[in-house]
Amino acid sequence: MSNTKRRMSSRDLLQFQMCDDPQVSPDGCEVAWVHTWINPDQNRYQSRIMVTDIATGVTRPFSDGPQDSCRLAMARRTAPRAGRLMAVS
């Protein structure tokens, strides 16, 4: 990696990835969150619901995204019963 400094460009923004809206499960064992990134080919944001096991740190996709809409992913919430996740569209 070069130590040369350069200005940030608009293309650099395409590399940004975001973690949004963390929701801890009622039993405290998992965190559901939304992974969002920019798809430059489609010129749009895409998102996927992810679930992370708190004890192990293992993260897995909960949904089949990136076909998920940001609106659906951002509207999901943990259900009162452990092991379930509710998505509201």
PDB file of N, CA and C in Angstrom:
ATOM      1  N   MET A   1       0.846  -1.176   0.000  1.00  0.00           N
ATOM      2  CA  MET A   1       0.000   0.000   0.000  1.00  0.00           C
ATOM      3  C   MET A   1       0.886   1.231   0.000  1.00  0.00           C
ATOM      4  N   SER A   2       0.555   2.171  -0.811  1.00  0.00           N
ATOM      5  CA  SER A   2       1.334   3.385  -0.954  1.00  0.00           C
ATOM      6  C   SER A   2       1.022   4.367   0.181  1.00  0.00           C
ATOM      7  N   ASN A   3       2.034   5.120   0.574  1.00  0.00           N
ATOM      8  CA  ASN A   3       1.838   6.149   1.598  1.00  0.00           C
ATOM      9  C   ASN A   3       1.488   7.492   0.983  1.00  0.00           C
ATOM     10  N   THR A   4       1.278   7.522  -0.330  1.00  0.00           N
ATOM     11  CA  THR A   4       0.936   8.755  -1.019  1.00  0.00           C
ATOM     12  C   THR A   4      -0.486   9.176  -0.678  1.00  0.00           C
ATOM     13  N   LYS A   5      -0.630  10.418  -0.258  1.00  0.00           N
ATOM     14  CA  LYS A   5      -1.961  10.937   0.053  1.00  0.00           C
ATOM     15  C   LYS A   5      -2.624  11.409  -1.226  1.00  0.00           C
ATOM     16  N   ARG A   6      -3.934  11.257  -1.297  1.00  0.00           N
ATOM     17  CA  ARG A   6      -4.695  11.755  -2.428  1.00  0.00           C
ATOM     18  C   ARG A   6      -6.049  12.216  -1.925  1.00  0.00           C
ATOM     19  N   ARG A   7      -6.692  12.999  -2.710  1.00  0.00           N
ATOM     20  CA  ARG A   7      -8.031  13.469  -2.353  1.00  0.00           C
ATOM     21  C   ARG A   7      -9.037  12.345  -2.587  1.00  0.00           C
ATOM     22  N   MET A   8     -10.057  12.394  -1.788  1.00  0.00           N
ATOM     23  CA  MET A   8     -11.140  11.439  -1.951  1.00  0.00           C
ATOM     24  C   MET A   8     -11.933  11.804  -3.197  1.00  0.00           C
ATOM     25  N   SER A   9     -12.346  10.788  -3.937  1.00  0.00           N
ATOM     26  CA  SER A   9     -13.138  11.031  -5.146  1.00  0.00           C
ATOM     27  C   SER A   9     -14.535  10.441  -4.972  1.00  0.00           C
ATOM     28  N   SER A  10     -15.402  10.779  -5.895  1.00  0.00           N
ATOM     29  CA  SER A  10     -16.765  10.241  -5.839  1.00  0.00           C
ATOM     30  C   SER A  10     -16.756   8.721  -5.998  1.00  0.00           C
ATOM     31  N   ARG A  11     -15.781   8.169  -6.699  1.00  0.00           N
ATOM     32  CA  ARG A  11     -15.681   6.709  -6.859  1.00  0.00           C
ATOM     33  C   ARG A  11     -15.391   6.031  -5.517  1.00  0.00           C
ATOM     34  N   ASP A  12     -14.705   6.732  -4.623  1.00  0.00           N
ATOM     35  CA  ASP A  12     -14.424   6.165  -3.301  1.00  0.00           C
ATOM     36  C   ASP A  12     -15.706   5.911  -2.522  1.00  0.00           C
ATOM     37  N   LEU A  13     -16.713   6.717  -2.741  1.00  0.00           N
ATOM     38  CA  LEU A  13     -17.980   6.551  -2.033  1.00  0.00           C
ATOM     39  C   LEU A  13     -18.636   5.209  -2.353  1.00  0.00           C
ATOM     40  N   LEU A  14     -18.349   4.673  -3.529  1.00  0.00           N
ATOM     41  CA  LEU A  14     -18.932   3.391  -3.923  1.00  0.00           C
ATOM     42  C   LEU A  14     -18.391   2.237  -3.077  1.00  0.00           C
ATOM     43  N   GLN A  15     -17.288   2.455  -2.387  1.00  0.00           N
ATOM     44  CA  GLN A  15     -16.696   1.422  -1.538  1.00  0.00           C
ATOM     45  C   GLN A  15     -17.278   1.422  -0.127  1.00  0.00           C
ATOM     46  N   PHE A  16     -18.025   2.458   0.230  1.00  0.00           N
ATOM     47  CA  PHE A  16     -18.589   2.552   1.573  1.00  0.00           C
ATOM     48  C   PHE A  16     -19.637   1.467   1.783  1.00  0.00           C
ATOM     49  N   GLN A  17     -19.621   0.903   2.969  1.00  0.00           N
ATOM     50  CA  GLN A  17     -20.647  -0.045   3.386  1.00  0.00           C
ATOM     51  C   GLN A  17     -21.151   0.411   4.748  1.00  0.00           C
ATOM     52  N   MET A  18     -22.433   0.240   4.988  1.00  0.00           N
ATOM     53  CA  MET A  18     -23.031   0.739   6.218  1.00  0.00           C
ATOM     54  C   MET A  18     -23.691  -0.381   7.013  1.00  0.00           C
ATOM     55  N   CYS A  19     -23.628  -0.246   8.317  1.00  0.00           N
ATOM     56  CA  CYS A  19     -24.316  -1.134   9.252  1.00  0.00           C
ATOM     57  C   CYS A  19     -25.342  -0.277   9.974  1.00  0.00           C
ATOM     58  N   ASP A  20     -26.605  -0.611   9.799  1.00  0.00           N
ATOM     59  CA  ASP A  20     -27.681   0.225  10.336  1.00  0.00           C
ATOM     60  C   ASP A  20     -28.635  -0.564  11.212  1.00  0.00           C
ATOM     61  N   ASP A  21     -29.326   0.159  12.061  1.00  0.00           N
ATOM     62  CA  ASP A  21     -30.499  -0.306  12.789  1.00  0.00           C
ATOM     63  C   ASP A  21     -30.296  -1.624  13.538  1.00  0.00           C
ATOM     64  N   PRO A  22     -29.289  -1.722  14.414  1.00  0.00           N
ATOM     65  CA  PRO A  22     -29.104  -2.978  15.157  1.00  0.00           C
ATOM     66  C   PRO A  22     -30.267  -3.230  16.123  1.00  0.00           C
ATOM     67  N   GLN A  23     -30.707  -4.476  16.184  1.00  0.00           N
ATOM     68  CA  GLN A  23     -31.797  -4.880  17.072  1.00  0.00           C
ATOM     69  C   GLN A  23     -31.353  -6.148  17.806  1.00  0.00           C
ATOM     70  N   VAL A  24     -31.249  -6.068  19.114  1.00  0.00           N
ATOM     71  CA  VAL A  24     -30.849  -7.221  19.924  1.00  0.00           C
ATOM     72  C   VAL A  24     -32.056  -8.120  20.136  1.00  0.00           C
ATOM     73  N   SER A  25     -31.858  -9.430  19.991  1.00  0.00           N
ATOM     74  CA  SER A  25     -32.955 -10.378  20.202  1.00  0.00           C
ATOM     75  C   SER A  25     -33.380 -10.346  21.666  1.00  0.00           C
ATOM     76  N   PRO A  26     -34.623 -10.723  21.952  1.00  0.00           N
ATOM     77  CA  PRO A  26     -35.116 -10.694  23.333  1.00  0.00           C
ATOM     78  C   PRO A  26     -34.265 -11.515  24.300  1.00  0.00           C
ATOM     79  N   ASP A  27     -33.661 -12.603  23.821  1.00  0.00           N
ATOM     80  CA  ASP A  27     -32.831 -13.424  24.714  1.00  0.00           C
ATOM     81  C   ASP A  27     -31.396 -12.901  24.814  1.00  0.00           C
ATOM     82  N   GLY A  28     -31.082 -11.853  24.049  1.00  0.00           N
ATOM     83  CA  GLY A  28     -29.756 -11.239  24.120  1.00  0.00           C
ATOM     84  C   GLY A  28     -28.655 -12.024  23.452  1.00  0.00           C
ATOM     85  N   CYS A  29     -28.994 -13.033  22.678  1.00  0.00           N
ATOM     86  CA  CYS A  29     -27.981 -13.887  22.057  1.00  0.00           C
ATOM     87  C   CYS A  29     -27.570 -13.440  20.657  1.00  0.00           C
ATOM     88  N   GLU A  30     -28.422 -12.694  19.973  1.00  0.00           N
ATOM     89  CA  GLU A  30     -28.137 -12.296  18.591  1.00  0.00           C
ATOM     90  C   GLU A  30     -28.479 -10.831  18.374  1.00  0.00           C
ATOM     91  N   VAL A  31     -27.845 -10.270  17.360  1.00  0.00           N
ATOM     92  CA  VAL A  31     -28.165  -8.917  16.915  1.00  0.00           C
ATOM     93  C   VAL A  31     -28.508  -8.995  15.440  1.00  0.00           C
ATOM     94  N   ALA A  32     -29.676  -8.501  15.068  1.00  0.00           N
ATOM     95  CA  ALA A  32     -30.064  -8.383  13.663  1.00  0.00           C
ATOM     96  C   ALA A  32     -29.755  -6.953  13.248  1.00  0.00           C
ATOM     97  N   TRP A  33     -29.182  -6.782  12.075  1.00  0.00           N
ATOM     98  CA  TRP A  33     -28.813  -5.455  11.588  1.00  0.00           C
ATOM     99  C   TRP A  33     -28.883  -5.420  10.076  1.00  0.00           C
ATOM    100  N   VAL A  34     -28.845  -4.236   9.516  1.00  0.00           N
ATOM    101  CA  VAL A  34     -28.974  -4.071   8.073  1.00  0.00           C
ATOM    102  C   VAL A  34     -27.624  -3.686   7.476  1.00  0.00           C
ATOM    103  N   HIS A  35     -27.152  -4.471   6.540  1.00  0.00           N
ATOM    104  CA  HIS A  35     -25.929  -4.191   5.786  1.00  0.00           C
ATOM    105  C   HIS A  35     -26.351  -3.509   4.485  1.00  0.00           C
ATOM    106  N   THR A  36     -25.875  -2.301   4.255  1.00  0.00           N
ATOM    107  CA  THR A  36     -26.251  -1.527   3.067  1.00  0.00           C
ATOM    108  C   THR A  36     -24.993  -1.126   2.307  1.00  0.00           C
ATOM    109  N   TRP A  37     -25.061  -1.200   0.990  1.00  0.00           N
ATOM    110  CA  TRP A  37     -23.958  -0.800   0.130  1.00  0.00           C
ATOM    111  C   TRP A  37     -24.512  -0.225  -1.152  1.00  0.00           C
ATOM    112  N   ILE A  38     -23.640   0.372  -1.935  1.00  0.00           N
ATOM    113  CA  ILE A  38     -24.045   0.964  -3.211  1.00  0.00           C
ATOM    114  C   ILE A  38     -23.709  -0.003  -4.337  1.00  0.00           C
ATOM    115  N   ASN A  39     -24.672  -0.253  -5.195  1.00  0.00           N
ATOM    116  CA  ASN A  39     -24.440  -1.066  -6.390  1.00  0.00           C
ATOM    117  C   ASN A  39     -24.237  -0.092  -7.550  1.00  0.00           C
ATOM    118  N   PRO A  40     -22.979   0.097  -8.000  1.00  0.00           N
ATOM    119  CA  PRO A  40     -22.734   1.082  -9.051  1.00  0.00           C
ATOM    120  C   PRO A  40     -23.348   0.695 -10.398  1.00  0.00           C
ATOM    121  N   ASP A  41     -23.493  -0.589 -10.656  1.00  0.00           N
ATOM    122  CA  ASP A  41     -24.073  -1.029 -11.932  1.00  0.00           C
ATOM    123  C   ASP A  41     -25.552  -0.661 -12.040  1.00  0.00           C
ATOM    124  N   GLN A  42     -26.251  -0.702 -10.897  1.00  0.00           N
ATOM    125  CA  GLN A  42     -27.672  -0.368 -10.890  1.00  0.00           C
ATOM    126  C   GLN A  42     -27.936   1.042 -10.374  1.00  0.00           C
ATOM    127  N   ASN A  43     -26.862   1.721  -9.951  1.00  0.00           N
ATOM    128  CA  ASN A  43     -26.961   3.093  -9.452  1.00  0.00           C
ATOM    129  C   ASN A  43     -28.006   3.207  -8.341  1.00  0.00           C
ATOM    130  N   ARG A  44     -27.887   2.310  -7.347  1.00  0.00           N
ATOM    131  CA  ARG A  44     -28.831   2.323  -6.236  1.00  0.00           C
ATOM    132  C   ARG A  44     -28.216   1.647  -5.009  1.00  0.00           C
ATOM    133  N   TYR A  45     -28.819   1.944  -3.869  1.00  0.00           N
ATOM    134  CA  TYR A  45     -28.432   1.257  -2.648  1.00  0.00           C
ATOM    135  C   TYR A  45     -29.058  -0.124  -2.641  1.00  0.00           C
ATOM    136  N   GLN A  46     -28.354  -1.083  -2.042  1.00  0.00           N
ATOM    137  CA  GLN A  46     -28.921  -2.403  -1.817  1.00  0.00           C
ATOM    138  C   GLN A  46     -28.668  -2.755  -0.361  1.00  0.00           C
ATOM    139  N   SER A  47     -29.504  -3.612   0.176  1.00  0.00           N
ATOM    140  CA  SER A  47     -29.360  -3.958   1.585  1.00  0.00           C
ATOM    141  C   SER A  47     -29.727  -5.411   1.811  1.00  0.00           C
ATOM    142  N   ARG A  48     -29.238  -5.901   2.932  1.00  0.00           N
ATOM    143  CA  ARG A  48     -29.489  -7.284   3.317  1.00  0.00           C
ATOM    144  C   ARG A  48     -29.562  -7.322   4.838  1.00  0.00           C
ATOM    145  N   ILE A  49     -30.498  -8.073   5.377  1.00  0.00           N
ATOM    146  CA  ILE A  49     -30.579  -8.256   6.816  1.00  0.00           C
ATOM    147  C   ILE A  49     -29.547  -9.306   7.219  1.00  0.00           C
ATOM    148  N   MET A  50     -28.731  -8.961   8.211  1.00  0.00           N
ATOM    149  CA  MET A  50     -27.706  -9.857   8.726  1.00  0.00           C
ATOM    150  C   MET A  50     -28.012 -10.157  10.194  1.00  0.00           C
ATOM    151  N   VAL A  51     -27.549 -11.310  10.676  1.00  0.00           N
ATOM    152  CA  VAL A  51     -27.707 -11.686  12.075  1.00  0.00           C
ATOM    153  C   VAL A  51     -26.337 -12.096  12.602  1.00  0.00           C
ATOM    154  N   THR A  52     -25.944 -11.505  13.727  1.00  0.00           N
ATOM    155  CA  THR A  52     -24.660 -11.817  14.350  1.00  0.00           C
ATOM    156  C   THR A  52     -24.895 -12.476  15.700  1.00  0.00           C
ATOM    157  N   ASP A  53     -24.248 -13.627  15.911  1.00  0.00           N
ATOM    158  CA  ASP A  53     -24.284 -14.310  17.195  1.00  0.00           C
ATOM    159  C   ASP A  53     -23.345 -13.558  18.133  1.00  0.00           C
ATOM    160  N   ILE A  54     -23.854 -13.063  19.246  1.00  0.00           N
ATOM    161  CA  ILE A  54     -23.064 -12.236  20.148  1.00  0.00           C
ATOM    162  C   ILE A  54     -21.922 -13.022  20.785  1.00  0.00           C
ATOM    163  N   ALA A  55     -22.150 -14.263  21.140  1.00  0.00           N
ATOM    164  CA  ALA A  55     -21.122 -15.064  21.815  1.00  0.00           C
ATOM    165  C   ALA A  55     -19.951 -15.406  20.908  1.00  0.00           C
ATOM    166  N   THR A  56     -20.250 -15.754  19.657  1.00  0.00           N
ATOM    167  CA  THR A  56     -19.187 -16.212  18.753  1.00  0.00           C
ATOM    168  C   THR A  56     -18.714 -15.135  17.777  1.00  0.00           C
ATOM    169  N   GLY A  57     -19.554 -14.123  17.551  1.00  0.00           N
ATOM    170  CA  GLY A  57     -19.220 -13.096  16.569  1.00  0.00           C
ATOM    171  C   GLY A  57     -19.479 -13.527  15.129  1.00  0.00           C
ATOM    172  N   VAL A  58     -20.037 -14.713  14.946  1.00  0.00           N
ATOM    173  CA  VAL A  58     -20.326 -15.219  13.603  1.00  0.00           C
ATOM    174  C   VAL A  58     -21.528 -14.472  13.035  1.00  0.00           C
ATOM    175  N   THR A  59     -21.366 -13.967  11.811  1.00  0.00           N
ATOM    176  CA  THR A  59     -22.435 -13.231  11.130  1.00  0.00           C
ATOM    177  C   THR A  59     -22.898 -14.023   9.924  1.00  0.00           C
ATOM    178  N   ARG A  60     -24.216 -14.063   9.742  1.00  0.00           N
ATOM    179  CA  ARG A  60     -24.791 -14.781   8.601  1.00  0.00           C
ATOM    180  C   ARG A  60     -25.908 -13.932   8.012  1.00  0.00           C
ATOM    181  N   PRO A  61     -26.151 -14.084   6.717  1.00  0.00           N
ATOM    182  CA  PRO A  61     -27.284 -13.366   6.127  1.00  0.00           C
ATOM    183  C   PRO A  61     -28.592 -13.996   6.596  1.00  0.00           C
ATOM    184  N   PHE A  62     -29.545 -13.161   6.956  1.00  0.00           N
ATOM    185  CA  PHE A  62     -30.867 -13.646   7.334  1.00  0.00           C
ATOM    186  C   PHE A  62     -31.766 -13.718   6.113  1.00  0.00           C
ATOM    187  N   SER A  63     -31.543 -12.806   5.200  1.00  0.00           N
ATOM    188  CA  SER A  63     -32.391 -12.713   4.014  1.00  0.00           C
ATOM    189  C   SER A  63     -31.568 -12.996   2.771  1.00  0.00           C
ATOM    190  N   ASP A  64     -32.266 -13.166   1.675  1.00  0.00           N
ATOM    191  CA  ASP A  64     -31.603 -13.478   0.421  1.00  0.00           C
ATOM    192  C   ASP A  64     -31.044 -12.260  -0.285  1.00  0.00           C
ATOM    193  N   GLY A  65     -31.242 -11.020   0.248  1.00  0.00           N
ATOM    194  CA  GLY A  65     -30.764  -9.808  -0.424  1.00  0.00           C
ATOM    195  C   GLY A  65     -29.632 -10.142  -1.362  1.00  0.00           C
ATOM    196  N   PRO A  66     -29.183  -9.339  -2.192  1.00  0.00           N
ATOM    197  CA  PRO A  66     -29.403  -7.910  -2.245  1.00  0.00           C
ATOM    198  C   PRO A  66     -30.696  -7.506  -2.929  1.00  0.00           C
ATOM    199  N   GLN A  67     -31.593  -8.435  -3.197  1.00  0.00           N
ATOM    200  CA  GLN A  67     -32.856  -8.068  -3.823  1.00  0.00           C
ATOM    201  C   GLN A  67     -33.787  -7.378  -2.828  1.00  0.00           C
ATOM    202  N   ASP A  68     -33.485  -7.493  -1.544  1.00  0.00           N
ATOM    203  CA  ASP A  68     -34.328  -6.835  -0.542  1.00  0.00           C
ATOM    204  C   ASP A  68     -34.327  -5.337  -0.770  1.00  0.00           C
ATOM    205  N   SER A  69     -35.424  -4.733  -0.524  1.00  0.00           N
ATOM    206  CA  SER A  69     -35.467  -3.276  -0.606  1.00  0.00           C
ATOM    207  C   SER A  69     -34.949  -2.698   0.698  1.00  0.00           C
ATOM    208  N   CYS A  70     -34.383  -1.516   0.636  1.00  0.00           N
ATOM    209  CA  CYS A  70     -33.917  -0.846   1.852  1.00  0.00           C
ATOM    210  C   CYS A  70     -35.070  -0.638   2.806  1.00  0.00           C
ATOM    211  N   ARG A  71     -36.237  -0.316   2.281  1.00  0.00           N
ATOM    212  CA  ARG A  71     -37.393  -0.052   3.131  1.00  0.00           C
ATOM    213  C   ARG A  71     -37.771  -1.288   3.933  1.00  0.00           C
ATOM    214  N   LEU A  72     -37.773  -2.458   3.288  1.00  0.00           N
ATOM    215  CA  LEU A  72     -38.104  -3.687   4.002  1.00  0.00           C
ATOM    216  C   LEU A  72     -37.034  -3.986   5.046  1.00  0.00           C
ATOM    217  N   ALA A  73     -35.787  -3.875   4.668  1.00  0.00           N
ATOM    218  CA  ALA A  73     -34.711  -4.199   5.596  1.00  0.00           C
ATOM    219  C   ALA A  73     -34.712  -3.265   6.796  1.00  0.00           C
ATOM    220  N   MET A  74     -34.975  -1.993   6.589  1.00  0.00           N
ATOM    221  CA  MET A  74     -34.962  -1.040   7.685  1.00  0.00           C
ATOM    222  C   MET A  74     -36.183  -1.183   8.585  1.00  0.00           C
ATOM    223  N   ALA A  75     -37.241  -1.825   8.111  1.00  0.00           N
ATOM    224  CA  ALA A  75     -38.471  -1.938   8.883  1.00  0.00           C
ATOM    225  C   ALA A  75     -38.533  -3.211   9.716  1.00  0.00           C
ATOM    226  N   ARG A  76     -37.552  -4.067   9.605  1.00  0.00           N
ATOM    227  CA  ARG A  76     -37.622  -5.325  10.330  1.00  0.00           C
ATOM    228  C   ARG A  76     -37.328  -5.107  11.824  1.00  0.00           C
ATOM    229  N   ARG A  77     -37.886  -5.952  12.633  1.00  0.00           N
ATOM    230  CA  ARG A  77     -37.712  -5.871  14.084  1.00  0.00           C
ATOM    231  C   ARG A  77     -37.672  -7.286  14.653  1.00  0.00           C
ATOM    232  N   THR A  78     -37.045  -7.412  15.801  1.00  0.00           N
ATOM    233  CA  THR A  78     -37.055  -8.710  16.458  1.00  0.00           C
ATOM    234  C   THR A  78     -38.449  -8.955  17.026  1.00  0.00           C
ATOM    235  N   ALA A  79     -38.881 -10.178  16.932  1.00  0.00           N
ATOM    236  CA  ALA A  79     -40.183 -10.566  17.463  1.00  0.00           C
ATOM    237  C   ALA A  79     -40.015 -10.922  18.939  1.00  0.00           C
ATOM    238  N   PRO A  80     -41.089 -10.898  19.708  1.00  0.00           N
ATOM    239  CA  PRO A  80     -40.984 -11.204  21.139  1.00  0.00           C
ATOM    240  C   PRO A  80     -40.435 -12.596  21.440  1.00  0.00           C
ATOM    241  N   ARG A  81     -40.621 -13.543  20.544  1.00  0.00           N
ATOM    242  CA  ARG A  81     -40.128 -14.898  20.774  1.00  0.00           C
ATOM    243  C   ARG A  81     -38.761 -15.044  20.132  1.00  0.00           C
ATOM    244  N   ALA A  82     -37.807 -15.548  20.880  1.00  0.00           N
ATOM    245  CA  ALA A  82     -36.453 -15.729  20.365  1.00  0.00           C
ATOM    246  C   ALA A  82     -36.467 -16.631  19.141  1.00  0.00           C
ATOM    247  N   GLY A  83     -35.557 -16.381  18.222  1.00  0.00           N
ATOM    248  CA  GLY A  83     -35.461 -17.219  17.023  1.00  0.00           C
ATOM    249  C   GLY A  83     -36.340 -16.757  15.895  1.00  0.00           C
ATOM    250  N   ARG A  84     -37.066 -15.666  16.082  1.00  0.00           N
ATOM    251  CA  ARG A  84     -37.951 -15.166  15.029  1.00  0.00           C
ATOM    252  C   ARG A  84     -37.589 -13.728  14.721  1.00  0.00           C
ATOM    253  N   LEU A  85     -37.782 -13.356  13.478  1.00  0.00           N
ATOM    254  CA  LEU A  85     -37.538 -11.999  13.055  1.00  0.00           C
ATOM    255  C   LEU A  85     -38.715 -11.565  12.214  1.00  0.00           C
ATOM    256  N   MET A  86     -39.213 -10.392  12.456  1.00  0.00           N
ATOM    257  CA  MET A  86     -40.391  -9.907  11.753  1.00  0.00           C
ATOM    258  C   MET A  86     -39.963  -8.817  10.765  1.00  0.00           C
ATOM    259  N   ALA A  87     -40.455  -8.883   9.557  1.00  0.00           N
ATOM    260  CA  ALA A  87     -40.180  -7.838   8.567  1.00  0.00           C
ATOM    261  C   ALA A  87     -41.499  -7.233   8.148  1.00  0.00           C
ATOM    262  N   VAL A  88     -41.578  -5.914   8.192  1.00  0.00           N
ATOM    263  CA  VAL A  88     -42.795  -5.199   7.834  1.00  0.00           C
ATOM    264  C   VAL A  88     -42.528  -4.411   6.571  1.00  0.00           C
ATOM    265  N   SER A  89     -43.356  -4.607   5.560  1.00  0.00           N
ATOM    266  CA  SER A  89     -43.147  -3.841   4.322  1.00  0.00           C
ATOM    267  C   SER A  89     -44.267  -2.847   4.118  1.00  0.00           C
TER     268      SER A  89
END
